[in-house]
Amino acid sequence: MVTEAFAMAPPPQGQGGQGGIVGIILTLLPLILIFVIFYFLLIRPQQKRLKEHQKFLSELRPGQKVFTSGGLIGRVTKIEGDLVWLEVEKDVQIPVIKGYIAGPFQQ
């Protein structure tokens, strides 16, 4: 009987103006903090890496040794728009889409 009375009672009002805008802000504060932490730990570093990769691809020149996301290693011989020709072996050239070049190859 006592538990039913508590279940039917209205929620406590708190102190003065706590039920207004301050209460909403205090309720949303943990969610906002989680989003800020998520942004600085995941989103911002990924955007920085993407910007560096775009800069690398725009500065790509023939003669550079690169590796692809598929694991191929080769020397850039020709660039035609979004298509890059890689020499993977002597007299063996393959076309690769520019976006799949992962970075410069250094031994």
PDB file of N, CA and C in Angstrom:
ATOM      1  N   MET A   1       0.814  -1.191   0.000  1.00  0.00           N
ATOM      2  CA  MET A   1       0.000   0.000   0.000  1.00  0.00           C
ATOM      3  C   MET A   1       0.866   1.269   0.000  1.00  0.00           C
ATOM      4  N   VAL A   2       1.963   1.229   0.722  1.00  0.00           N
ATOM      5  CA  VAL A   2       2.833   2.399   0.777  1.00  0.00           C
ATOM      6  C   VAL A   2       3.502   2.618  -0.575  1.00  0.00           C
ATOM      7  N   THR A   3       3.948   1.549  -1.242  1.00  0.00           N
ATOM      8  CA  THR A   3       4.602   1.702  -2.540  1.00  0.00           C
ATOM      9  C   THR A   3       3.649   2.256  -3.577  1.00  0.00           C
ATOM     10  N   GLU A   4       2.369   1.904  -3.486  1.00  0.00           N
ATOM     11  CA  GLU A   4       1.398   2.462  -4.417  1.00  0.00           C
ATOM     12  C   GLU A   4       1.239   3.960  -4.189  1.00  0.00           C
ATOM     13  N   ALA A   5       1.316   4.395  -2.975  1.00  0.00           N
ATOM     14  CA  ALA A   5       1.181   5.819  -2.671  1.00  0.00           C
ATOM     15  C   ALA A   5       2.357   6.599  -3.242  1.00  0.00           C
ATOM     16  N   PHE A   6       3.564   6.046  -3.144  1.00  0.00           N
ATOM     17  CA  PHE A   6       4.728   6.723  -3.711  1.00  0.00           C
ATOM     18  C   PHE A   6       4.656   6.754  -5.231  1.00  0.00           C
ATOM     19  N   ALA A   7       4.149   5.694  -5.824  1.00  0.00           N
ATOM     20  CA  ALA A   7       4.051   5.639  -7.272  1.00  0.00           C
ATOM     21  C   ALA A   7       3.052   6.658  -7.799  1.00  0.00           C
ATOM     22  N   MET A   8       2.023   6.962  -7.030  1.00  0.00           N
ATOM     23  CA  MET A   8       0.990   7.886  -7.475  1.00  0.00           C
ATOM     24  C   MET A   8       1.292   9.335  -7.105  1.00  0.00           C
ATOM     25  N   ALA A   9       2.274   9.574  -6.269  1.00  0.00           N
ATOM     26  CA  ALA A   9       2.589  10.932  -5.829  1.00  0.00           C
ATOM     27  C   ALA A   9       3.253  11.705  -6.956  1.00  0.00           C
ATOM     28  N   PRO A  10       3.003  13.014  -7.046  1.00  0.00           N
ATOM     29  CA  PRO A  10       3.677  13.820  -8.072  1.00  0.00           C
ATOM     30  C   PRO A  10       5.168  13.941  -7.742  1.00  0.00           C
ATOM     31  N   PRO A  11       6.011  14.156  -8.748  1.00  0.00           N
ATOM     32  CA  PRO A  11       7.448  14.286  -8.479  1.00  0.00           C
ATOM     33  C   PRO A  11       7.732  15.514  -7.630  1.00  0.00           C
ATOM     34  N   PRO A  12       8.786  15.475  -6.803  1.00  0.00           N
ATOM     35  CA  PRO A  12       9.118  16.626  -5.963  1.00  0.00           C
ATOM     36  C   PRO A  12       9.539  17.815  -6.818  1.00  0.00           C
ATOM     37  N   GLN A  13       9.213  19.018  -6.354  1.00  0.00           N
ATOM     38  CA  GLN A  13       9.474  20.230  -7.122  1.00  0.00           C
ATOM     39  C   GLN A  13      10.917  20.715  -7.032  1.00  0.00           C
ATOM     40  N   GLY A  14      11.648  20.353  -6.031  1.00  0.00           N
ATOM     41  CA  GLY A  14      13.023  20.827  -5.907  1.00  0.00           C
ATOM     42  C   GLY A  14      13.058  22.182  -5.232  1.00  0.00           C
ATOM     43  N   GLN A  15      14.159  22.912  -5.409  1.00  0.00           N
ATOM     44  CA  GLN A  15      14.331  24.191  -4.728  1.00  0.00           C
ATOM     45  C   GLN A  15      13.963  25.334  -5.671  1.00  0.00           C
ATOM     46  N   GLY A  16      13.024  26.093  -5.334  1.00  0.00           N
ATOM     47  CA  GLY A  16      12.666  27.308  -6.050  1.00  0.00           C
ATOM     48  C   GLY A  16      12.534  27.135  -7.552  1.00  0.00           C
ATOM     49  N   GLY A  17      13.453  27.731  -8.322  1.00  0.00           N
ATOM     50  CA  GLY A  17      13.381  27.739  -9.775  1.00  0.00           C
ATOM     51  C   GLY A  17      14.116  26.598 -10.446  1.00  0.00           C
ATOM     52  N   GLN A  18      14.448  25.537  -9.762  1.00  0.00           N
ATOM     53  CA  GLN A  18      15.197  24.418 -10.342  1.00  0.00           C
ATOM     54  C   GLN A  18      14.422  23.709 -11.449  1.00  0.00           C
ATOM     55  N   GLY A  19      13.111  23.817 -11.474  1.00  0.00           N
ATOM     56  CA  GLY A  19      12.338  23.102 -12.469  1.00  0.00           C
ATOM     57  C   GLY A  19      12.358  23.776 -13.830  1.00  0.00           C
ATOM     58  N   GLY A  20      12.856  24.980 -13.932  1.00  0.00           N
ATOM     59  CA  GLY A  20      12.828  25.733 -15.183  1.00  0.00           C
ATOM     60  C   GLY A  20      14.010  25.424 -16.086  1.00  0.00           C
ATOM     61  N   ILE A  21      14.578  26.479 -16.613  1.00  0.00           N
ATOM     62  CA  ILE A  21      15.659  26.371 -17.594  1.00  0.00           C
ATOM     63  C   ILE A  21      16.922  25.774 -16.987  1.00  0.00           C
ATOM     64  N   VAL A  22      17.180  26.067 -15.716  1.00  0.00           N
ATOM     65  CA  VAL A  22      18.374  25.531 -15.053  1.00  0.00           C
ATOM     66  C   VAL A  22      18.287  24.013 -14.963  1.00  0.00           C
ATOM     67  N   GLY A  23      17.111  23.507 -14.665  1.00  0.00           N
ATOM     68  CA  GLY A  23      16.927  22.059 -14.593  1.00  0.00           C
ATOM     69  C   GLY A  23      17.165  21.389 -15.934  1.00  0.00           C
ATOM     70  N   ILE A  24      16.713  22.030 -16.997  1.00  0.00           N
ATOM     71  CA  ILE A  24      16.923  21.481 -18.344  1.00  0.00           C
ATOM     72  C   ILE A  24      18.408  21.477 -18.684  1.00  0.00           C
ATOM     73  N   ILE A  25      19.101  22.573 -18.370  1.00  0.00           N
ATOM     74  CA  ILE A  25      20.540  22.651 -18.651  1.00  0.00           C
ATOM     75  C   ILE A  25      21.302  21.592 -17.867  1.00  0.00           C
ATOM     76  N   LEU A  26      20.960  21.434 -16.591  1.00  0.00           N
ATOM     77  CA  LEU A  26      21.638  20.419 -15.776  1.00  0.00           C
ATOM     78  C   LEU A  26      21.352  19.008 -16.281  1.00  0.00           C
ATOM     79  N   THR A  27      20.188  18.800 -16.848  1.00  0.00           N
ATOM     80  CA  THR A  27      19.857  17.493 -17.410  1.00  0.00           C
ATOM     81  C   THR A  27      20.653  17.233 -18.688  1.00  0.00           C
ATOM     82  N   LEU A  28      20.829  18.253 -19.517  1.00  0.00           N
ATOM     83  CA  LEU A  28      21.522  18.091 -20.794  1.00  0.00           C
ATOM     84  C   LEU A  28      23.039  18.207 -20.686  1.00  0.00           C
ATOM     85  N   LEU A  29      23.556  18.696 -19.566  1.00  0.00           N
ATOM     86  CA  LEU A  29      24.994  18.899 -19.403  1.00  0.00           C
ATOM     87  C   LEU A  29      25.824  17.637 -19.645  1.00  0.00           C
ATOM     88  N   PRO A  30      25.463  16.479 -19.094  1.00  0.00           N
ATOM     89  CA  PRO A  30      26.269  15.279 -19.383  1.00  0.00           C
ATOM     90  C   PRO A  30      26.277  14.913 -20.868  1.00  0.00           C
ATOM     91  N   LEU A  31      25.155  15.084 -21.543  1.00  0.00           N
ATOM     92  CA  LEU A  31      25.084  14.788 -22.973  1.00  0.00           C
ATOM     93  C   LEU A  31      25.976  15.733 -23.774  1.00  0.00           C
ATOM     94  N   ILE A  32      25.974  16.999 -23.407  1.00  0.00           N
ATOM     95  CA  ILE A  32      26.824  17.983 -24.081  1.00  0.00           C
ATOM     96  C   ILE A  32      28.297  17.662 -23.843  1.00  0.00           C
ATOM     97  N   LEU A  33      28.656  17.311 -22.620  1.00  0.00           N
ATOM     98  CA  LEU A  33      30.049  16.955 -22.315  1.00  0.00           C
ATOM     99  C   LEU A  33      30.488  15.726 -23.101  1.00  0.00           C
ATOM    100  N   ILE A  34      29.632  14.736 -23.221  1.00  0.00           N
ATOM    101  CA  ILE A  34      29.968  13.534 -23.995  1.00  0.00           C
ATOM    102  C   ILE A  34      30.201  13.901 -25.455  1.00  0.00           C
ATOM    103  N   PHE A  35      29.363  14.766 -26.023  1.00  0.00           N
ATOM    104  CA  PHE A  35      29.537  15.177 -27.411  1.00  0.00           C
ATOM    105  C   PHE A  35      30.849  15.933 -27.610  1.00  0.00           C
ATOM    106  N   VAL A  36      31.193  16.829 -26.688  1.00  0.00           N
ATOM    107  CA  VAL A  36      32.445  17.591 -26.800  1.00  0.00           C
ATOM    108  C   VAL A  36      33.647  16.652 -26.740  1.00  0.00           C
ATOM    109  N   ILE A  37      33.631  15.708 -25.817  1.00  0.00           N
ATOM    110  CA  ILE A  37      34.727  14.733 -25.716  1.00  0.00           C
ATOM    111  C   ILE A  37      34.801  13.889 -26.977  1.00  0.00           C
ATOM    112  N   PHE A  38      33.667  13.437 -27.475  1.00  0.00           N
ATOM    113  CA  PHE A  38      33.606  12.646 -28.702  1.00  0.00           C
ATOM    114  C   PHE A  38      34.189  13.432 -29.873  1.00  0.00           C
ATOM    115  N   TYR A  39      33.859  14.720 -29.967  1.00  0.00           N
ATOM    116  CA  TYR A  39      34.363  15.557 -31.049  1.00  0.00           C
ATOM    117  C   TYR A  39      35.884  15.663 -31.009  1.00  0.00           C
ATOM    118  N   PHE A  40      36.445  15.948 -29.838  1.00  0.00           N
ATOM    119  CA  PHE A  40      37.888  16.165 -29.752  1.00  0.00           C
ATOM    120  C   PHE A  40      38.690  14.870 -29.819  1.00  0.00           C
ATOM    121  N   LEU A  41      38.106  13.736 -29.470  1.00  0.00           N
ATOM    122  CA  LEU A  41      38.844  12.471 -29.516  1.00  0.00           C
ATOM    123  C   LEU A  41      38.687  11.728 -30.831  1.00  0.00           C
ATOM    124  N   LEU A  42      37.577  11.907 -31.536  1.00  0.00           N
ATOM    125  CA  LEU A  42      37.337  11.118 -32.745  1.00  0.00           C
ATOM    126  C   LEU A  42      37.163  11.952 -34.011  1.00  0.00           C
ATOM    127  N   ILE A  43      36.276  12.900 -33.987  1.00  0.00           N
ATOM    128  CA  ILE A  43      35.927  13.616 -35.215  1.00  0.00           C
ATOM    129  C   ILE A  43      37.048  14.543 -35.673  1.00  0.00           C
ATOM    130  N   ARG A  44      37.573  15.348 -34.787  1.00  0.00           N
ATOM    131  CA  ARG A  44      38.603  16.321 -35.170  1.00  0.00           C
ATOM    132  C   ARG A  44      39.887  15.667 -35.689  1.00  0.00           C
ATOM    133  N   PRO A  45      40.430  14.629 -35.022  1.00  0.00           N
ATOM    134  CA  PRO A  45      41.627  13.987 -35.579  1.00  0.00           C
ATOM    135  C   PRO A  45      41.378  13.347 -36.948  1.00  0.00           C
ATOM    136  N   GLN A  46      40.180  12.792 -37.157  1.00  0.00           N
ATOM    137  CA  GLN A  46      39.871  12.190 -38.451  1.00  0.00           C
ATOM    138  C   GLN A  46      39.819  13.254 -39.543  1.00  0.00           C
ATOM    139  N   GLN A  47      39.253  14.412 -39.252  1.00  0.00           N
ATOM    140  CA  GLN A  47      39.215  15.497 -40.223  1.00  0.00           C
ATOM    141  C   GLN A  47      40.624  15.979 -40.553  1.00  0.00           C
ATOM    142  N   LYS A  48      41.494  16.018 -39.551  1.00  0.00           N
ATOM    143  CA  LYS A  48      42.877  16.446 -39.771  1.00  0.00           C
ATOM    144  C   LYS A  48      43.610  15.456 -40.673  1.00  0.00           C
ATOM    145  N   ARG A  49      43.431  14.142 -40.412  1.00  0.00           N
ATOM    146  CA  ARG A  49      44.059  13.129 -41.262  1.00  0.00           C
ATOM    147  C   ARG A  49      43.538  13.204 -42.692  1.00  0.00           C
ATOM    148  N   LEU A  50      42.238  13.427 -42.854  1.00  0.00           N
ATOM    149  CA  LEU A  50      41.647  13.524 -44.183  1.00  0.00           C
ATOM    150  C   LEU A  50      42.207  14.724 -44.938  1.00  0.00           C
ATOM    151  N   LYS A  51      42.366  15.844 -44.249  1.00  0.00           N
ATOM    152  CA  LYS A  51      42.916  17.039 -44.882  1.00  0.00           C
ATOM    153  C   LYS A  51      44.373  16.810 -45.309  1.00  0.00           C
ATOM    154  N   GLU A  52      45.170  16.139 -44.465  1.00  0.00           N
ATOM    155  CA  GLU A  52      46.561  15.838 -44.817  1.00  0.00           C
ATOM    156  C   GLU A  52      46.629  14.887 -46.009  1.00  0.00           C
ATOM    157  N   HIS A  53      45.723  13.902 -46.070  1.00  0.00           N
ATOM    158  CA  HIS A  53      45.710  12.953 -47.185  1.00  0.00           C
ATOM    159  C   HIS A  53      45.327  13.662 -48.485  1.00  0.00           C
ATOM    160  N   GLN A  54      44.343  14.568 -48.427  1.00  0.00           N
ATOM    161  CA  GLN A  54      43.958  15.331 -49.613  1.00  0.00           C
ATOM    162  C   GLN A  54      45.122  16.201 -50.099  1.00  0.00           C
ATOM    163  N   LYS A  55      45.863  16.784 -49.168  1.00  0.00           N
ATOM    164  CA  LYS A  55      47.020  17.602 -49.541  1.00  0.00           C
ATOM    165  C   LYS A  55      48.089  16.739 -50.206  1.00  0.00           C
ATOM    166  N   PHE A  56      48.331  15.536 -49.648  1.00  0.00           N
ATOM    167  CA  PHE A  56      49.308  14.621 -50.236  1.00  0.00           C
ATOM    168  C   PHE A  56      48.904  14.249 -51.658  1.00  0.00           C
ATOM    169  N   LEU A  57      47.627  13.932 -51.864  1.00  0.00           N
ATOM    170  CA  LEU A  57      47.174  13.534 -53.198  1.00  0.00           C
ATOM    171  C   LEU A  57      47.264  14.687 -54.191  1.00  0.00           C
ATOM    172  N   SER A  58      47.020  15.903 -53.746  1.00  0.00           N
ATOM    173  CA  SER A  58      47.105  17.043 -54.660  1.00  0.00           C
ATOM    174  C   SER A  58      48.552  17.356 -55.039  1.00  0.00           C
ATOM    175  N   GLU A  59      49.505  16.988 -54.181  1.00  0.00           N
ATOM    176  CA  GLU A  59      50.921  17.242 -54.458  1.00  0.00           C
ATOM    177  C   GLU A  59      51.623  16.039 -55.076  1.00  0.00           C
ATOM    178  N   LEU A  60      50.865  15.007 -55.456  1.00  0.00           N
ATOM    179  CA  LEU A  60      51.443  13.791 -56.026  1.00  0.00           C
ATOM    180  C   LEU A  60      52.089  14.096 -57.373  1.00  0.00           C
ATOM    181  N   ARG A  61      53.308  13.622 -57.573  1.00  0.00           N
ATOM    182  CA  ARG A  61      54.064  13.873 -58.801  1.00  0.00           C
ATOM    183  C   ARG A  61      54.658  12.562 -59.326  1.00  0.00           C
ATOM    184  N   PRO A  62      54.883  12.484 -60.647  1.00  0.00           N
ATOM    185  CA  PRO A  62      55.559  11.296 -61.198  1.00  0.00           C
ATOM    186  C   PRO A  62      56.946  11.131 -60.583  1.00  0.00           C
ATOM    187  N   GLY A  63      57.298   9.877 -60.338  1.00  0.00           N
ATOM    188  CA  GLY A  63      58.587   9.562 -59.740  1.00  0.00           C
ATOM    189  C   GLY A  63      58.495   9.239 -58.260  1.00  0.00           C
ATOM    190  N   GLN A  64      57.391   9.601 -57.605  1.00  0.00           N
ATOM    191  CA  GLN A  64      57.235   9.307 -56.180  1.00  0.00           C
ATOM    192  C   GLN A  64      56.900   7.838 -55.983  1.00  0.00           C
ATOM    193  N   LYS A  65      57.460   7.258 -54.930  1.00  0.00           N
ATOM    194  CA  LYS A  65      57.150   5.880 -54.579  1.00  0.00           C
ATOM    195  C   LYS A  65      56.034   5.905 -53.542  1.00  0.00           C
ATOM    196  N   VAL A  66      54.935   5.187 -53.838  1.00  0.00           N
ATOM    197  CA  VAL A  66      53.748   5.213 -52.988  1.00  0.00           C
ATOM    198  C   VAL A  66      53.258   3.796 -52.726  1.00  0.00           C
ATOM    199  N   PHE A  67      52.354   3.678 -51.742  1.00  0.00           N
ATOM    200  CA  PHE A  67      51.667   2.409 -51.523  1.00  0.00           C
ATOM    201  C   PHE A  67      50.172   2.667 -51.535  1.00  0.00           C
ATOM    202  N   THR A  68      49.424   1.641 -51.956  1.00  0.00           N
ATOM    203  CA  THR A  68      47.977   1.774 -52.056  1.00  0.00           C
ATOM    204  C   THR A  68      47.310   1.153 -50.840  1.00  0.00           C
ATOM    205  N   SER A  69      46.022   1.412 -50.695  1.00  0.00           N
ATOM    206  CA  SER A  69      45.279   0.819 -49.584  1.00  0.00           C
ATOM    207  C   SER A  69      45.134  -0.688 -49.760  1.00  0.00           C
ATOM    208  N   GLY A  70      45.344  -1.196 -50.967  1.00  0.00           N
ATOM    209  CA  GLY A  70      45.308  -2.636 -51.215  1.00  0.00           C
ATOM    210  C   GLY A  70      46.639  -3.317 -50.965  1.00  0.00           C
ATOM    211  N   GLY A  71      47.688  -2.543 -50.694  1.00  0.00           N
ATOM    212  CA  GLY A  71      48.982  -3.116 -50.368  1.00  0.00           C
ATOM    213  C   GLY A  71      49.986  -3.108 -51.506  1.00  0.00           C
ATOM    214  N   LEU A  72      49.635  -2.545 -52.649  1.00  0.00           N
ATOM    215  CA  LEU A  72      50.581  -2.473 -53.763  1.00  0.00           C
ATOM    216  C   LEU A  72      51.578  -1.341 -53.528  1.00  0.00           C
ATOM    217  N   ILE A  73      52.805  -1.579 -53.937  1.00  0.00           N
ATOM    218  CA  ILE A  73      53.857  -0.569 -53.833  1.00  0.00           C
ATOM    219  C   ILE A  73      54.356  -0.301 -55.238  1.00  0.00           C
ATOM    220  N   GLY A  74      54.463   0.963 -55.600  1.00  0.00           N
ATOM    221  CA  GLY A  74      54.935   1.284 -56.937  1.00  0.00           C
ATOM    222  C   GLY A  74      55.368   2.729 -57.043  1.00  0.00           C
ATOM    223  N   ARG A  75      55.917   3.034 -58.211  1.00  0.00           N
ATOM    224  CA  ARG A  75      56.384   4.391 -58.496  1.00  0.00           C
ATOM    225  C   ARG A  75      55.394   5.039 -59.466  1.00  0.00           C
ATOM    226  N   VAL A  76      54.988   6.260 -59.170  1.00  0.00           N
ATOM    227  CA  VAL A  76      54.040   6.984 -60.020  1.00  0.00           C
ATOM    228  C   VAL A  76      54.732   7.325 -61.332  1.00  0.00           C
ATOM    229  N   THR A  77      54.089   6.942 -62.450  1.00  0.00           N
ATOM    230  CA  THR A  77      54.656   7.273 -63.757  1.00  0.00           C
ATOM    231  C   THR A  77      53.851   8.336 -64.485  1.00  0.00           C
ATOM    232  N   LYS A  78      52.523   8.322 -64.281  1.00  0.00           N
ATOM    233  CA  LYS A  78      51.674   9.264 -65.003  1.00  0.00           C
ATOM    234  C   LYS A  78      50.407   9.518 -64.187  1.00  0.00           C
ATOM    235  N   ILE A  79      49.915  10.753 -64.233  1.00  0.00           N
ATOM    236  CA  ILE A  79      48.680  11.117 -63.537  1.00  0.00           C
ATOM    237  C   ILE A  79      47.714  11.686 -64.566  1.00  0.00           C
ATOM    238  N   GLU A  80      46.530  11.069 -64.655  1.00  0.00           N
ATOM    239  CA  GLU A  80      45.497  11.509 -65.599  1.00  0.00           C
ATOM    240  C   GLU A  80      44.202  11.754 -64.827  1.00  0.00           C
ATOM    241  N   GLY A  81      44.029  12.930 -64.278  1.00  0.00           N
ATOM    242  CA  GLY A  81      42.829  13.235 -63.500  1.00  0.00           C
ATOM    243  C   GLY A  81      42.795  12.428 -62.211  1.00  0.00           C
ATOM    244  N   ASP A  82      41.794  11.546 -62.085  1.00  0.00           N
ATOM    245  CA  ASP A  82      41.680  10.698 -60.898  1.00  0.00           C
ATOM    246  C   ASP A  82      42.373   9.357 -61.075  1.00  0.00           C
ATOM    247  N   LEU A  83      43.041   9.158 -62.196  1.00  0.00           N
ATOM    248  CA  LEU A  83      43.724   7.895 -62.475  1.00  0.00           C
ATOM    249  C   LEU A  83      45.238   8.098 -62.381  1.00  0.00           C
ATOM    250  N   VAL A  84      45.888   7.235 -61.622  1.00  0.00           N
ATOM    251  CA  VAL A  84      47.339   7.300 -61.448  1.00  0.00           C
ATOM    252  C   VAL A  84      47.923   5.990 -61.965  1.00  0.00           C
ATOM    253  N   TRP A  85      48.950   6.089 -62.774  1.00  0.00           N
ATOM    254  CA  TRP A  85      49.616   4.890 -63.281  1.00  0.00           C
ATOM    255  C   TRP A  85      50.830   4.595 -62.408  1.00  0.00           C
ATOM    256  N   LEU A  86      50.874   3.378 -61.868  1.00  0.00           N
ATOM    257  CA  LEU A  86      51.979   2.953 -61.016  1.00  0.00           C
ATOM    258  C   LEU A  86      52.808   1.904 -61.731  1.00  0.00           C
ATOM    259  N   GLU A  87      54.118   2.059 -61.645  1.00  0.00           N
ATOM    260  CA  GLU A  87      55.026   1.029 -62.150  1.00  0.00           C
ATOM    261  C   GLU A  87      55.377   0.144 -60.960  1.00  0.00           C
ATOM    262  N   VAL A  88      54.835  -1.083 -60.961  1.00  0.00           N
ATOM    263  CA  VAL A  88      55.050  -1.988 -59.842  1.00  0.00           C
ATOM    264  C   VAL A  88      56.259  -2.889 -60.072  1.00  0.00           C
ATOM    265  N   GLU A  89      56.645  -3.058 -61.306  1.00  0.00           N
ATOM    266  CA  GLU A  89      57.810  -3.855 -61.696  1.00  0.00           C
ATOM    267  C   GLU A  89      58.314  -3.238 -62.990  1.00  0.00           C
ATOM    268  N   LYS A  90      59.502  -3.591 -63.408  1.00  0.00           N
ATOM    269  CA  LYS A  90      60.041  -3.017 -64.637  1.00  0.00           C
ATOM    270  C   LYS A  90      59.114  -3.356 -65.807  1.00  0.00           C
ATOM    271  N   ASP A  91      58.688  -2.323 -66.521  1.00  0.00           N
ATOM    272  CA  ASP A  91      57.782  -2.433 -67.670  1.00  0.00           C
ATOM    273  C   ASP A  91      56.412  -3.005 -67.319  1.00  0.00           C
ATOM    274  N   VAL A  92      56.006  -2.920 -66.068  1.00  0.00           N
ATOM    275  CA  VAL A  92      54.662  -3.344 -65.651  1.00  0.00           C
ATOM    276  C   VAL A  92      53.988  -2.150 -64.980  1.00  0.00           C
ATOM    277  N   GLN A  93      53.008  -1.579 -65.675  1.00  0.00           N
ATOM    278  CA  GLN A  93      52.292  -0.424 -65.140  1.00  0.00           C
ATOM    279  C   GLN A  93      50.824  -0.784 -64.953  1.00  0.00           C
ATOM    280  N   ILE A  94      50.262  -0.331 -63.844  1.00  0.00           N
ATOM    281  CA  ILE A  94      48.850  -0.583 -63.571  1.00  0.00           C
ATOM    282  C   ILE A  94      48.163   0.736 -63.231  1.00  0.00           C
ATOM    283  N   PRO A  95      46.894   0.867 -63.640  1.00  0.00           N
ATOM    284  CA  PRO A  95      46.145   2.072 -63.260  1.00  0.00           C
ATOM    285  C   PRO A  95      45.544   1.907 -61.868  1.00  0.00           C
ATOM    286  N   VAL A  96      45.588   2.969 -61.092  1.00  0.00           N
ATOM    287  CA  VAL A  96      45.018   2.977 -59.743  1.00  0.00           C
ATOM    288  C   VAL A  96      44.233   4.276 -59.588  1.00  0.00           C
ATOM    289  N   ILE A  97      43.063   4.182 -58.983  1.00  0.00           N
ATOM    290  CA  ILE A  97      42.289   5.396 -58.700  1.00  0.00           C
ATOM    291  C   ILE A  97      43.024   6.184 -57.613  1.00  0.00           C
ATOM    292  N   LYS A  98      43.141   7.475 -57.820  1.00  0.00           N
ATOM    293  CA  LYS A  98      43.955   8.328 -56.949  1.00  0.00           C
ATOM    294  C   LYS A  98      43.564   8.223 -55.475  1.00  0.00           C
ATOM    295  N   GLY A  99      42.293   8.075 -55.181  1.00  0.00           N
ATOM    296  CA  GLY A  99      41.832   7.998 -53.799  1.00  0.00           C
ATOM    297  C   GLY A  99      42.318   6.766 -53.055  1.00  0.00           C
ATOM    298  N   TYR A 100      42.746   5.731 -53.797  1.00  0.00           N
ATOM    299  CA  TYR A 100      43.217   4.504 -53.157  1.00  0.00           C
ATOM    300  C   TYR A 100      44.709   4.524 -52.843  1.00  0.00           C
ATOM    301  N   ILE A 101      45.381   5.601 -53.181  1.00  0.00           N
ATOM    302  CA  ILE A 101      46.787   5.729 -52.792  1.00  0.00           C
ATOM    303  C   ILE A 101      46.809   6.169 -51.334  1.00  0.00           C
ATOM    304  N   ALA A 102      47.416   5.347 -50.490  1.00  0.00           N
ATOM    305  CA  ALA A 102      47.367   5.577 -49.044  1.00  0.00           C
ATOM    306  C   ALA A 102      48.428   6.558 -48.565  1.00  0.00           C
ATOM    307  N   GLY A 103      49.599   6.543 -49.192  1.00  0.00           N
ATOM    308  CA  GLY A 103      50.636   7.451 -48.729  1.00  0.00           C
ATOM    309  C   GLY A 103      51.966   7.171 -49.391  1.00  0.00           C
ATOM    310  N   PRO A 104      52.982   7.947 -49.038  1.00  0.00           N
ATOM    311  CA  PRO A 104      54.316   7.719 -49.596  1.00  0.00           C
ATOM    312  C   PRO A 104      54.938   6.473 -48.980  1.00  0.00           C
ATOM    313  N   PHE A 105      55.692   5.730 -49.793  1.00  0.00           N
ATOM    314  CA  PHE A 105      56.338   4.519 -49.296  1.00  0.00           C
ATOM    315  C   PHE A 105      57.773   4.847 -48.927  1.00  0.00           C
ATOM    316  N   GLN A 106      58.129   4.512 -47.686  1.00  0.00           N
ATOM    317  CA  GLN A 106      59.501   4.696 -47.215  1.00  0.00           C
ATOM    318  C   GLN A 106      59.960   3.391 -46.611  1.00  0.00           C
ATOM    319  N   GLN A 107      61.128   2.947 -47.034  1.00  0.00           N
ATOM    320  CA  GLN A 107      61.637   1.672 -46.510  1.00  0.00           C
ATOM    321  C   GLN A 107      62.341   1.865 -45.209  1.00  0.00           C
TER     322      GLN A 107
END
